[in-house]
């Protein structure tokens, strides 16, 4: 049994559970993860001292380590934006990585360290408390400062930046900038650890980013350090965050198996590859190439030579929030062809008989209902190996790609009933969470309970809210899939909310006695 050490970005299912579920689909690989009680919660940081002890105890038995620097230095993803650690404290903690490598010279360390986001909204739930009032202003100052500095700003934007002077209290702005400086220091120290040979590979996802702003300035500083160290082949920087554990696990899986998956990418729209998704800083196809590369694959332009296909339901002209899809414009049909797209997926499955992952990224933070209804009616949802459409486009792409690549290695799990069931349950979980929950039941809940229940703090409403979601999800499952799915009942085995709010739901779906329609 090949053992892989994994320290997640936080305790949410996307980071803590998804890579473990993927590992269960494999053979001969065991993923070791710290006990969940060590992982903290939201603004409560993980007990990183205990996690470090756990790492040192378990590392000697492992061949690879997938390590979140944000968890091991700050406490988790949220605390990378809210911590009060100094450069000296972070530098001292980073020494643990050197000690880990010295004690375990054969351990291959694949580390990841986010470029912290600057949220473009007045919401302090996952950011410092002053973000509730000044978040949008801080984001705008950062955006315009960078744009002016690069000489790209218009006269109106220069005037706006001058007007914003004093709009954010000095103590708030100074607190943010001081933390930002520490975070950048940690990013650059991690690049140095690659140069020293401590990290074999460093992945730097850009969390909720934009073309201009502090994240862009941080990336420029990182790129300069990478070039100076000639580390371009060992440091990967691209948009993303909550999918990174799945992607790096897939990379390690491919290294263990000696597999280099050739991924054919197919879009539903002509302009889709060039659309810059919401919360990202580059064309969609550039990020997809980065995800495939990070997972250890290559982009294959010829479907006949591919090992699997990533089918991307892309925006026709621009991306919108799933919450706004009732007001979508004609470009969702005039600039995209779902009929041809779904027919091609069916053709690829029948003719090439290879794994397919379906990424629904025409909208963000949920799925586009019309497309998903059509995909269900056409039978495509049953024929593909992975489906997703949650949060940002790269969150979706990374998880769908990870499951697709693993399924391609095992020939879609045909002939292995247990692994096939695990894969289909993970896929159905995504369908229920990303489509039925995020794009439908969540939207209804927010409208019906506005002003009565705080969606970020359920408190005493928790049990009734969980029942609300369970009942409505079961109703939608019956409407969309009838009495069974490939011979199995769709059973919601577990459902609960993380961070005491409705925006991060964890559930497990059971598909007992499922039988593949492809065999």
Protein backbone atom coordinates (compact mmCIF):
# COMPACT_ATOMS: atom_id res chain seq x y z
CA UNK A 1 0.00 0.00 0.00
CA UNK A 2 1.47 3.37 -1.09
CA UNK A 3 0.76 6.00 1.57
CA UNK A 4 0.20 9.69 0.86
CA UNK A 5 0.13 12.32 3.61
CA UNK A 6 -2.48 15.06 3.10
CA UNK A 7 -3.05 18.27 5.07
CA UNK A 8 -6.14 20.02 3.64
CA UNK A 9 -6.88 23.70 3.22
CA UNK A 10 -9.67 23.46 5.81
CA UNK A 11 -12.32 21.08 7.16
CA UNK A 12 -15.01 21.64 4.51
CA UNK A 13 -15.95 18.61 2.43
CA UNK A 14 -14.45 20.03 -0.79
CA UNK A 15 -11.02 20.14 0.85
CA UNK A 16 -11.17 17.49 3.56
CA UNK A 17 -13.45 14.78 2.14
CA UNK A 18 -13.28 14.98 -1.67
CA UNK A 19 -9.63 13.85 -2.02
CA UNK A 20 -10.32 10.95 0.37
CA UNK A 21 -13.35 9.91 -1.69
CA UNK A 22 -11.20 9.99 -4.83
CA UNK A 23 -8.54 7.91 -3.08
CA UNK A 24 -11.14 5.27 -2.24
CA UNK A 25 -11.74 4.82 -5.99
CA UNK A 26 -8.10 3.81 -6.49
CA UNK A 27 -6.20 0.65 -5.64
CA UNK A 28 -3.02 0.45 -3.59
CA UNK A 29 -3.07 4.08 -2.37
CA UNK A 30 -3.96 5.20 1.14
CA UNK A 31 -4.51 8.89 1.89
CA UNK A 32 -3.68 9.87 5.48
CA UNK A 33 -5.55 12.96 6.73
CA UNK A 34 -5.39 14.66 10.16
CA UNK A 35 -8.37 14.08 12.48
CA UNK A 36 -11.09 16.60 11.67
CA UNK A 37 -11.13 17.98 15.22
CA UNK A 38 -7.67 19.43 14.59
CA UNK A 39 -8.81 21.36 11.53
CA UNK A 40 -10.56 24.35 13.11
CA UNK A 41 -13.67 26.01 11.72
CA UNK A 42 -14.07 29.19 9.70
CA UNK A 43 -12.29 31.93 11.70
CA UNK A 44 -11.22 29.47 14.40
CA UNK A 45 -7.78 28.38 13.14
CA UNK A 46 -6.67 24.79 12.97
CA UNK A 47 -4.43 23.61 15.79
CA UNK A 48 -1.43 23.72 13.50
CA UNK A 49 1.01 22.78 16.25
CA UNK A 50 -0.87 19.47 16.72
CA UNK A 51 -1.14 19.00 12.97
CA UNK A 52 2.61 19.48 12.65
CA UNK A 53 3.10 16.79 15.31
CA UNK A 54 0.77 14.53 13.33
CA UNK A 55 2.76 15.24 10.14
CA UNK A 56 6.09 14.36 11.75
CA UNK A 57 4.62 11.18 13.26
CA UNK A 58 3.14 9.91 9.99
CA UNK A 59 5.63 11.15 7.41
CA UNK A 60 8.13 8.26 7.76
CA UNK A 61 5.52 5.80 6.46
CA UNK A 62 4.63 7.95 3.45
CA UNK A 63 6.07 8.32 -0.03
CA UNK A 64 4.33 11.60 -0.90
CA UNK A 65 3.01 14.55 1.11
CA UNK A 66 0.36 17.00 -0.13
CA UNK A 67 0.59 19.92 2.28
CA UNK A 68 -1.43 23.11 2.67
CA UNK A 69 0.94 25.87 3.69
CA UNK A 70 -2.04 28.05 4.64
CA UNK A 71 -3.23 25.47 7.18
CA UNK A 72 0.23 24.72 8.55
CA UNK A 73 1.22 28.40 8.88
CA UNK A 74 -2.04 30.35 9.43
CA UNK A 75 -4.62 27.74 10.42
CA UNK A 76 -6.76 27.48 7.26
CA UNK A 77 -7.92 29.39 4.19
CA UNK A 78 -9.98 31.95 6.12
CA UNK A 79 -7.19 32.63 8.61
CA UNK A 80 -4.83 33.42 5.74
CA UNK A 81 -7.04 36.55 5.41
CA UNK A 82 -7.59 37.25 9.11
CA UNK A 83 -4.46 36.14 11.01
CA UNK A 84 -2.21 38.41 13.05
CA UNK A 85 1.02 36.47 12.65
CA UNK A 86 4.26 38.34 12.05
CA UNK A 87 6.87 37.60 9.40
CA UNK A 88 9.15 36.25 12.10
CA UNK A 89 6.49 33.86 13.41
CA UNK A 90 5.71 32.61 9.91
CA UNK A 91 9.39 32.19 9.11
CA UNK A 92 9.84 30.10 12.25
CA UNK A 93 6.90 27.86 11.30
CA UNK A 94 8.22 27.47 7.76
CA UNK A 95 11.37 25.95 9.24
CA UNK A 96 9.24 22.87 9.98
CA UNK A 97 9.18 22.08 6.27
CA UNK A 98 12.98 22.01 6.19
CA UNK A 99 13.04 19.76 9.25
CA UNK A 100 10.42 17.49 7.69
CA UNK A 101 12.51 17.05 4.55
CA UNK A 102 15.72 16.57 6.52
CA UNK A 103 14.12 13.85 8.64
CA UNK A 104 12.49 12.22 5.60
CA UNK A 105 14.75 12.84 2.59
CA UNK A 106 12.80 10.40 0.42
CA UNK A 107 9.47 12.15 1.04
CA UNK A 108 8.22 13.94 -2.08
CA UNK A 109 6.49 17.12 -0.91
CA UNK A 110 3.83 18.68 -3.13
CA UNK A 111 2.94 21.89 -1.29
CA UNK A 112 0.27 24.45 -2.08
CA UNK A 113 -0.02 28.03 -0.86
CA UNK A 114 -2.76 30.42 -1.96
CA UNK A 115 -2.45 33.96 -3.16
CA UNK A 116 -5.02 35.28 -0.69
CA UNK A 117 -8.16 36.76 -2.15
CA UNK A 118 -9.36 40.34 -1.81
CA UNK A 119 -13.14 39.92 -1.77
CA UNK A 120 -15.00 42.53 -3.84
CA UNK A 121 -17.95 42.83 -1.44
CA UNK A 122 -18.97 44.20 1.94
CA UNK A 123 -19.15 40.88 3.78
CA UNK A 124 -17.03 39.92 6.78
CA UNK A 125 -18.15 36.29 7.11
CA UNK A 126 -14.85 34.96 5.71
CA UNK A 127 -12.78 38.14 6.06
CA UNK A 128 -11.77 40.65 8.76
CA UNK A 129 -14.70 42.24 10.61
CA UNK A 130 -14.20 45.62 8.93
CA UNK A 131 -14.84 43.97 5.57
CA UNK A 132 -18.58 44.26 6.33
CA UNK A 133 -18.35 48.02 5.78
CA UNK A 134 -15.17 48.64 3.83
CA UNK A 135 -14.51 45.46 1.84
CA UNK A 136 -15.68 46.76 -1.51
CA UNK A 137 -13.73 49.98 -1.00
CA UNK A 138 -10.51 48.13 -0.16
CA UNK A 139 -10.94 45.91 -3.21
CA UNK A 140 -11.52 48.94 -5.44
CA UNK A 141 -8.49 50.76 -4.05
CA UNK A 142 -6.36 47.68 -4.73
CA UNK A 143 -7.76 47.28 -8.24
CA UNK A 144 -7.21 50.90 -9.22
CA UNK A 145 -3.80 51.18 -7.54
CA UNK A 146 -2.51 48.30 -9.64
CA UNK A 147 -4.16 49.56 -12.83
CA UNK A 148 -2.73 53.05 -12.37
CA UNK A 149 0.68 51.59 -11.53
CA UNK A 150 0.72 49.62 -14.77
CA UNK A 151 -0.28 52.69 -16.79
CA UNK A 152 -3.58 51.12 -17.89
CA UNK A 153 -6.03 53.38 -16.04
CA UNK A 154 -8.28 55.95 -17.69
CA UNK A 155 -8.49 59.54 -16.46
CA UNK A 156 -11.83 58.69 -14.83
CA UNK A 157 -10.24 55.78 -12.94
CA UNK A 158 -7.35 57.94 -11.79
CA UNK A 159 -9.85 60.50 -10.49
CA UNK A 160 -11.82 57.74 -8.74
CA UNK A 161 -8.68 56.53 -6.96
CA UNK A 162 -8.03 60.07 -5.72
CA UNK A 163 -11.61 60.30 -4.44
CA UNK A 164 -11.19 57.00 -2.56
CA UNK A 165 -8.33 58.46 -0.53
CA UNK A 166 -9.62 58.48 3.04
CA UNK A 167 -12.73 56.42 2.23
CA UNK A 168 -11.35 53.50 4.26
CA UNK A 169 -10.15 54.20 7.83
CA UNK A 170 -6.38 54.19 8.01
CA UNK A 171 -6.26 51.53 10.73
CA UNK A 172 -8.34 49.14 8.60
CA UNK A 173 -6.28 49.70 5.47
CA UNK A 174 -3.02 49.38 7.41
CA UNK A 175 -4.18 46.13 9.01
CA UNK A 176 -5.04 44.71 5.60
CA UNK A 177 -1.78 45.85 3.99
CA UNK A 178 0.35 44.51 6.86
CA UNK A 179 -1.26 41.07 6.57
CA UNK A 180 -0.93 41.20 2.81
CA UNK A 181 2.79 41.83 3.18
CA UNK A 182 3.14 38.81 5.48
CA UNK A 183 1.17 36.62 3.08
CA UNK A 184 3.38 37.66 0.18
CA UNK A 185 6.46 36.99 2.30
CA UNK A 186 5.19 33.45 2.89
CA UNK A 187 4.48 32.97 -0.83
CA UNK A 188 8.04 33.97 -1.67
CA UNK A 189 9.53 31.82 1.10
CA UNK A 190 7.70 28.85 -0.39
CA UNK A 191 9.33 29.52 -3.75
CA UNK A 192 12.68 29.51 -1.94
CA UNK A 193 11.81 26.12 -0.44
CA UNK A 194 11.42 24.79 -3.97
CA UNK A 195 14.84 26.18 -4.85
CA UNK A 196 16.32 24.44 -1.79
CA UNK A 197 14.79 21.12 -2.79
CA UNK A 198 12.45 20.97 0.21
CA UNK A 199 9.34 21.15 -1.99
CA UNK A 200 9.33 18.99 -5.10
CA UNK A 201 6.46 20.99 -6.59
CA UNK A 202 4.72 24.15 -5.37
CA UNK A 203 1.20 25.00 -6.53
CA UNK A 204 0.00 28.57 -5.95
CA UNK A 205 -3.73 28.90 -6.65
CA UNK A 206 -5.10 32.43 -6.96
CA UNK A 207 -8.24 32.56 -4.82
CA UNK A 208 -11.09 34.73 -6.25
CA UNK A 209 -8.82 36.89 -8.34
CA UNK A 210 -9.07 39.59 -11.02
CA UNK A 211 -6.89 41.06 -13.76
CA UNK A 212 -5.81 43.95 -11.51
CA UNK A 213 -5.31 44.20 -7.75
CA UNK A 214 -3.12 42.91 -4.97
CA UNK A 215 -3.36 39.30 -6.17
CA UNK A 216 -2.00 40.41 -9.54
CA UNK A 217 0.79 42.34 -7.82
CA UNK A 218 1.60 39.31 -5.69
CA UNK A 219 1.72 37.13 -8.79
CA UNK A 220 4.20 39.52 -10.40
CA UNK A 221 6.47 39.28 -7.35
CA UNK A 222 6.18 35.48 -7.32
CA UNK A 223 6.92 35.27 -11.05
CA UNK A 224 10.05 37.37 -10.57
CA UNK A 225 11.28 35.05 -7.80
CA UNK A 226 10.47 31.97 -9.90
CA UNK A 227 12.38 33.33 -12.91
CA UNK A 228 15.36 34.23 -10.75
CA UNK A 229 15.50 30.68 -9.42
CA UNK A 230 14.78 29.10 -12.84
CA UNK A 231 11.91 27.17 -11.24
CA UNK A 232 9.32 27.53 -13.98
CA UNK A 233 8.81 23.76 -14.22
CA UNK A 234 8.22 23.30 -10.48
CA UNK A 235 6.02 26.26 -9.48
CA UNK A 236 2.49 26.44 -10.88
CA UNK A 237 0.38 29.60 -10.52
CA UNK A 238 -3.22 29.75 -11.75
CA UNK A 239 -6.78 30.58 -10.53
CA UNK A 240 -8.38 28.25 -8.02
CA UNK A 241 -8.49 27.21 -4.36
CA UNK A 242 -10.95 24.63 -3.06
CA UNK A 243 -10.27 22.13 -5.85
CA UNK A 244 -6.50 22.04 -5.36
CA UNK A 245 -6.44 19.05 -2.99
CA UNK A 246 -8.24 16.92 -5.57
CA UNK A 247 -6.00 18.08 -8.40
CA UNK A 248 -2.74 17.44 -6.55
CA UNK A 249 -3.96 14.05 -5.33
CA UNK A 250 -4.63 13.17 -8.98
CA UNK A 251 -1.13 14.35 -9.88
CA UNK A 252 0.35 12.08 -7.21
CA UNK A 253 -1.90 9.22 -8.35
CA UNK A 254 -0.58 9.66 -11.90
CA UNK A 255 3.03 9.70 -10.68
CA UNK A 256 2.51 6.50 -8.69
CA UNK A 257 0.82 4.77 -11.62
CA UNK A 258 3.17 6.16 -14.28
CA UNK A 259 0.14 7.56 -16.11
CA UNK A 260 0.15 10.70 -18.27
CA UNK A 261 -3.51 11.23 -19.24
CA UNK A 262 -4.19 12.84 -22.59
CA UNK A 263 -7.21 15.08 -22.08
CA UNK A 264 -9.35 16.24 -24.98
CA UNK A 265 -11.25 19.45 -24.17
CA UNK A 266 -14.57 20.17 -25.90
CA UNK A 267 -16.65 23.33 -25.43
CA UNK A 268 -20.33 24.05 -26.00
CA UNK A 269 -19.66 27.56 -27.33
CA UNK A 270 -17.29 29.12 -29.85
CA UNK A 271 -16.22 31.96 -27.59
CA UNK A 272 -16.24 29.83 -24.44
CA UNK A 273 -12.47 29.22 -24.35
CA UNK A 274 -11.84 32.99 -24.45
CA UNK A 275 -14.39 34.10 -21.85
CA UNK A 276 -12.83 35.37 -18.62
CA UNK A 277 -14.95 33.76 -15.86
CA UNK A 278 -16.17 35.66 -12.83
CA UNK A 279 -13.63 35.73 -9.99
CA UNK A 280 -10.77 34.85 -12.36
CA UNK A 281 -8.13 36.78 -14.26
CA UNK A 282 -7.63 34.98 -17.57
CA UNK A 283 -9.47 33.21 -20.41
CA UNK A 284 -11.20 29.98 -19.42
CA UNK A 285 -9.05 27.77 -21.64
CA UNK A 286 -5.82 29.11 -20.14
CA UNK A 287 -6.97 28.07 -16.68
CA UNK A 288 -8.11 24.67 -17.96
CA UNK A 289 -4.68 24.08 -19.49
CA UNK A 290 -3.15 24.94 -16.12
CA UNK A 291 -5.44 22.50 -14.28
CA UNK A 292 -4.66 19.66 -16.70
CA UNK A 293 -0.94 20.36 -16.40
CA UNK A 294 -1.16 20.54 -12.61
CA UNK A 295 -2.93 17.17 -12.53
CA UNK A 296 -0.08 15.63 -14.50
CA UNK A 297 -1.85 15.40 -17.84
CA UNK A 298 -1.45 16.95 -21.25
CA UNK A 299 -3.99 18.70 -23.46
CA UNK A 300 -4.72 16.50 -26.48
CA UNK A 301 -6.18 18.29 -29.49
CA UNK A 302 -7.25 15.11 -31.27
CA UNK A 303 -10.11 13.15 -29.71
CA UNK A 304 -8.92 9.90 -31.31
CA UNK A 305 -5.63 10.07 -29.39
CA UNK A 306 -7.19 11.08 -26.07
CA UNK A 307 -7.55 9.01 -22.92
CA UNK A 308 -10.54 11.01 -21.72
CA UNK A 309 -12.58 14.10 -22.51
CA UNK A 310 -13.32 17.19 -20.45
CA UNK A 311 -16.65 18.46 -21.79
CA UNK A 312 -17.14 22.10 -20.82
CA UNK A 313 -20.54 23.76 -20.97
CA UNK A 314 -19.06 27.22 -21.33
CA UNK A 315 -20.61 30.70 -21.39
CA UNK A 316 -21.79 31.89 -24.79
CA UNK A 317 -20.44 35.38 -24.35
CA UNK A 318 -20.04 36.08 -20.63
CA UNK A 319 -20.64 34.39 -17.28
CA UNK A 320 -23.37 35.22 -14.78
CA UNK A 321 -24.26 34.05 -11.27
CA UNK A 322 -26.57 31.04 -11.17
CA UNK A 323 -28.87 33.06 -8.90
CA UNK A 324 -29.44 35.42 -11.86
CA UNK A 325 -30.14 32.79 -14.51
CA UNK A 326 -33.85 33.59 -14.75
CA UNK A 327 -32.75 36.86 -16.37
CA UNK A 328 -30.13 35.35 -18.69
CA UNK A 329 -29.98 36.89 -22.15
CA UNK A 330 -30.16 35.37 -25.63
CA UNK A 331 -26.42 34.74 -25.85
CA UNK A 332 -26.96 31.62 -23.73
CA UNK A 333 -28.63 30.11 -26.80
CA UNK A 334 -27.41 32.21 -29.74
CA UNK A 335 -23.73 31.90 -28.78
CA UNK A 336 -23.85 28.32 -27.49
CA UNK A 337 -25.26 25.08 -28.89
CA UNK A 338 -26.25 22.61 -26.19
CA UNK A 339 -27.89 20.28 -28.74
CA UNK A 340 -24.67 19.70 -30.66
CA UNK A 341 -22.63 19.60 -27.46
CA UNK A 342 -24.68 16.85 -25.81
CA UNK A 343 -24.87 14.89 -29.07
CA UNK A 344 -21.09 14.98 -29.31
CA UNK A 345 -20.67 13.74 -25.73
CA UNK A 346 -22.97 10.82 -26.54
CA UNK A 347 -21.02 10.16 -29.75
CA UNK A 348 -17.66 10.20 -27.92
CA UNK A 349 -18.96 7.79 -25.27
CA UNK A 350 -20.30 5.37 -27.89
CA UNK A 351 -17.45 5.57 -30.42
CA UNK A 352 -14.36 6.13 -28.27
CA UNK A 353 -15.64 4.34 -25.15
CA UNK A 354 -13.53 6.51 -22.85
CA UNK A 355 -14.15 8.49 -19.67
CA UNK A 356 -15.90 11.85 -19.87
CA UNK A 357 -16.16 14.61 -17.29
CA UNK A 358 -18.90 17.22 -17.70
CA UNK A 359 -18.10 20.65 -16.25
CA UNK A 360 -21.04 23.07 -16.19
CA UNK A 361 -19.40 26.51 -16.02
CA UNK A 362 -21.76 28.65 -18.08
CA UNK A 363 -22.75 30.18 -14.73
CA UNK A 364 -20.95 30.27 -11.39
CA UNK A 365 -22.05 29.21 -7.92
CA UNK A 366 -24.37 26.54 -9.25
CA UNK A 367 -25.54 24.98 -12.50
CA UNK A 368 -27.56 26.36 -15.40
CA UNK A 369 -30.95 24.66 -15.07
CA UNK A 370 -31.97 24.42 -18.71
CA UNK A 371 -28.74 22.72 -19.69
CA UNK A 372 -28.80 20.28 -16.78
CA UNK A 373 -32.42 19.35 -17.50
CA UNK A 374 -31.47 18.61 -21.10
CA UNK A 375 -28.40 16.62 -20.01
CA UNK A 376 -30.60 14.53 -17.71
CA UNK A 377 -33.31 13.98 -20.33
CA UNK A 378 -30.75 13.02 -22.99
CA UNK A 379 -29.18 10.38 -20.74
CA UNK A 380 -25.79 12.09 -20.83
CA UNK A 381 -25.66 12.49 -17.04
CA UNK A 382 -25.79 8.71 -16.72
CA UNK A 383 -23.12 8.09 -19.36
CA UNK A 384 -20.37 10.44 -18.14
CA UNK A 385 -18.07 9.65 -15.23
CA UNK A 386 -17.98 13.05 -13.52
CA UNK A 387 -20.27 16.06 -13.32
CA UNK A 388 -19.83 19.39 -11.57
CA UNK A 389 -20.97 23.00 -11.49
CA UNK A 390 -20.19 24.67 -8.16
CA UNK A 391 -18.62 27.91 -6.96
CA UNK A 392 -16.02 29.25 -9.42
CA UNK A 393 -15.27 27.70 -12.79
CA UNK A 394 -11.89 26.38 -11.65
CA UNK A 395 -13.34 24.84 -8.49
CA UNK A 396 -15.62 22.90 -10.84
CA UNK A 397 -12.97 22.11 -13.46
CA UNK A 398 -10.45 20.80 -10.94
CA UNK A 399 -12.77 18.35 -9.20
CA UNK A 400 -14.39 17.12 -12.42
CA UNK A 401 -10.98 16.68 -14.04
CA UNK A 402 -9.64 14.74 -11.05
CA UNK A 403 -12.46 12.21 -11.06
CA UNK A 404 -12.38 11.90 -14.86
CA UNK A 405 -8.65 11.17 -14.98
CA UNK A 406 -8.91 8.49 -12.29
CA UNK A 407 -11.90 6.94 -14.07
CA UNK A 408 -9.98 6.95 -17.35
CA UNK A 409 -7.10 5.01 -15.78
CA UNK A 410 -9.52 2.31 -14.60
CA UNK A 411 -11.49 2.20 -17.88
CA UNK A 412 -14.52 3.87 -16.27
CA UNK A 413 -14.50 1.23 -13.50
CA UNK A 414 -16.23 -1.23 -15.81
CA UNK A 415 -16.11 -4.70 -14.29
CA UNK A 416 -15.47 -3.38 -10.77
CA UNK A 417 -18.87 -2.97 -9.13
CA UNK A 418 -17.58 -1.53 -5.85
CA UNK A 419 -15.34 1.14 -7.39
CA UNK A 420 -18.03 1.97 -9.95
CA UNK A 421 -20.54 2.52 -7.14
CA UNK A 422 -18.13 4.82 -5.28
CA UNK A 423 -17.52 6.85 -8.43
CA UNK A 424 -21.22 7.12 -9.26
CA UNK A 425 -22.09 8.13 -5.70
CA UNK A 426 -19.51 10.91 -5.86
CA UNK A 427 -20.92 12.00 -9.22
CA UNK A 428 -24.51 11.95 -7.94
CA UNK A 429 -23.44 13.91 -4.88
CA UNK A 430 -22.16 16.60 -7.24
CA UNK A 431 -25.39 16.56 -9.25
CA UNK A 432 -27.51 16.93 -6.12
CA UNK A 433 -25.28 19.57 -4.49
CA UNK A 434 -24.24 21.63 -7.50
CA UNK A 435 -27.49 21.53 -9.47
CA UNK A 436 -30.44 20.73 -7.23
CA UNK A 437 -29.12 22.43 -4.09
CA UNK A 438 -26.98 25.34 -5.20
CA UNK A 439 -29.00 26.44 -8.25
CA UNK A 440 -32.49 25.63 -6.95
CA UNK A 441 -33.27 24.83 -3.30
CA UNK A 442 -30.76 27.33 -1.92
CA UNK A 443 -32.22 30.09 -4.06
CA UNK A 444 -35.75 29.29 -2.88
CA UNK A 445 -34.66 29.14 0.75
CA UNK A 446 -32.96 32.54 0.63
CA UNK A 447 -36.05 34.12 -0.93
CA UNK A 448 -38.50 32.50 1.50
CA UNK A 449 -36.54 33.18 4.70
CA UNK A 450 -35.13 36.63 3.96
CA UNK A 451 -35.18 38.70 7.13
CA UNK A 452 -36.19 35.71 9.30
CA UNK A 453 -33.19 33.37 9.26
CA UNK A 454 -29.58 34.49 8.98
CA UNK A 455 -28.12 32.25 6.23
CA UNK A 456 -24.66 32.63 7.79
CA UNK A 457 -25.73 31.72 11.36
CA UNK A 458 -28.50 29.13 11.55
CA UNK A 459 -28.26 28.66 15.31
CA UNK A 460 -31.48 27.15 16.66
CA UNK A 461 -32.95 26.91 13.15
CA UNK A 462 -30.40 24.31 12.09
CA UNK A 463 -32.58 21.18 12.42
CA UNK A 464 -35.58 22.71 10.65
CA UNK A 465 -33.40 24.11 7.87
CA UNK A 466 -31.73 20.75 7.29
CA UNK A 467 -35.20 19.16 7.05
CA UNK A 468 -36.26 21.89 4.60
CA UNK A 469 -33.34 21.09 2.32
CA UNK A 470 -33.64 17.31 2.65
CA UNK A 471 -37.37 17.33 1.80
CA UNK A 472 -37.00 19.61 -1.21
CA UNK A 473 -33.93 17.82 -2.53
CA UNK A 474 -35.72 14.47 -2.35
CA UNK A 475 -38.66 16.00 -4.23
CA UNK A 476 -36.37 17.32 -6.98
CA UNK A 477 -34.54 13.99 -7.21
CA UNK A 478 -37.86 12.25 -7.90
CA UNK A 479 -38.81 14.89 -10.48
CA UNK A 480 -35.52 14.73 -12.36
CA UNK A 481 -34.66 11.02 -12.12
CA UNK A 482 -37.90 9.18 -11.37
CA UNK A 483 -37.95 6.14 -9.15
CA UNK A 484 -34.38 4.96 -9.76
CA UNK A 485 -31.02 5.78 -11.34
CA UNK A 486 -29.34 2.96 -13.27
CA UNK A 487 -31.32 0.48 -11.20
CA UNK A 488 -30.52 2.11 -7.85
CA UNK A 489 -32.54 4.24 -5.47
CA UNK A 490 -31.00 7.66 -4.88
CA UNK A 491 -30.77 7.93 -1.09
CA UNK A 492 -29.52 11.01 0.75
CA UNK A 493 -27.68 9.23 3.54
CA UNK A 494 -26.37 12.26 5.40
CA UNK A 495 -26.95 16.01 5.14
CA UNK A 496 -25.57 18.79 7.29
CA UNK A 497 -24.27 22.33 6.96
CA UNK A 498 -20.72 23.41 7.67
CA UNK A 499 -19.75 26.79 9.15
CA UNK A 500 -23.32 27.01 10.60
CA UNK A 501 -24.63 28.52 7.36
CA UNK A 502 -26.47 27.31 4.27
CA UNK A 503 -23.72 28.04 1.74
CA UNK A 504 -21.59 24.96 2.49
CA UNK A 505 -23.69 21.82 2.62
CA UNK A 506 -22.18 18.37 3.05
CA UNK A 507 -24.14 15.32 2.04
CA UNK A 508 -23.54 11.72 1.06
CA UNK A 509 -25.60 9.93 -1.57
CA UNK A 510 -26.08 6.16 -1.62
CA UNK A 511 -26.66 4.21 -4.85
CA UNK A 512 -26.93 0.62 -3.67
CA UNK A 513 -27.00 -2.09 -6.37
CA UNK A 514 -26.27 0.37 -9.17
CA UNK A 515 -25.47 -1.21 -12.55
CA UNK A 516 -23.60 0.50 -15.36
CA UNK A 517 -25.60 1.18 -18.52
CA UNK A 518 -22.29 1.09 -20.44
CA UNK A 519 -21.57 -2.62 -19.86
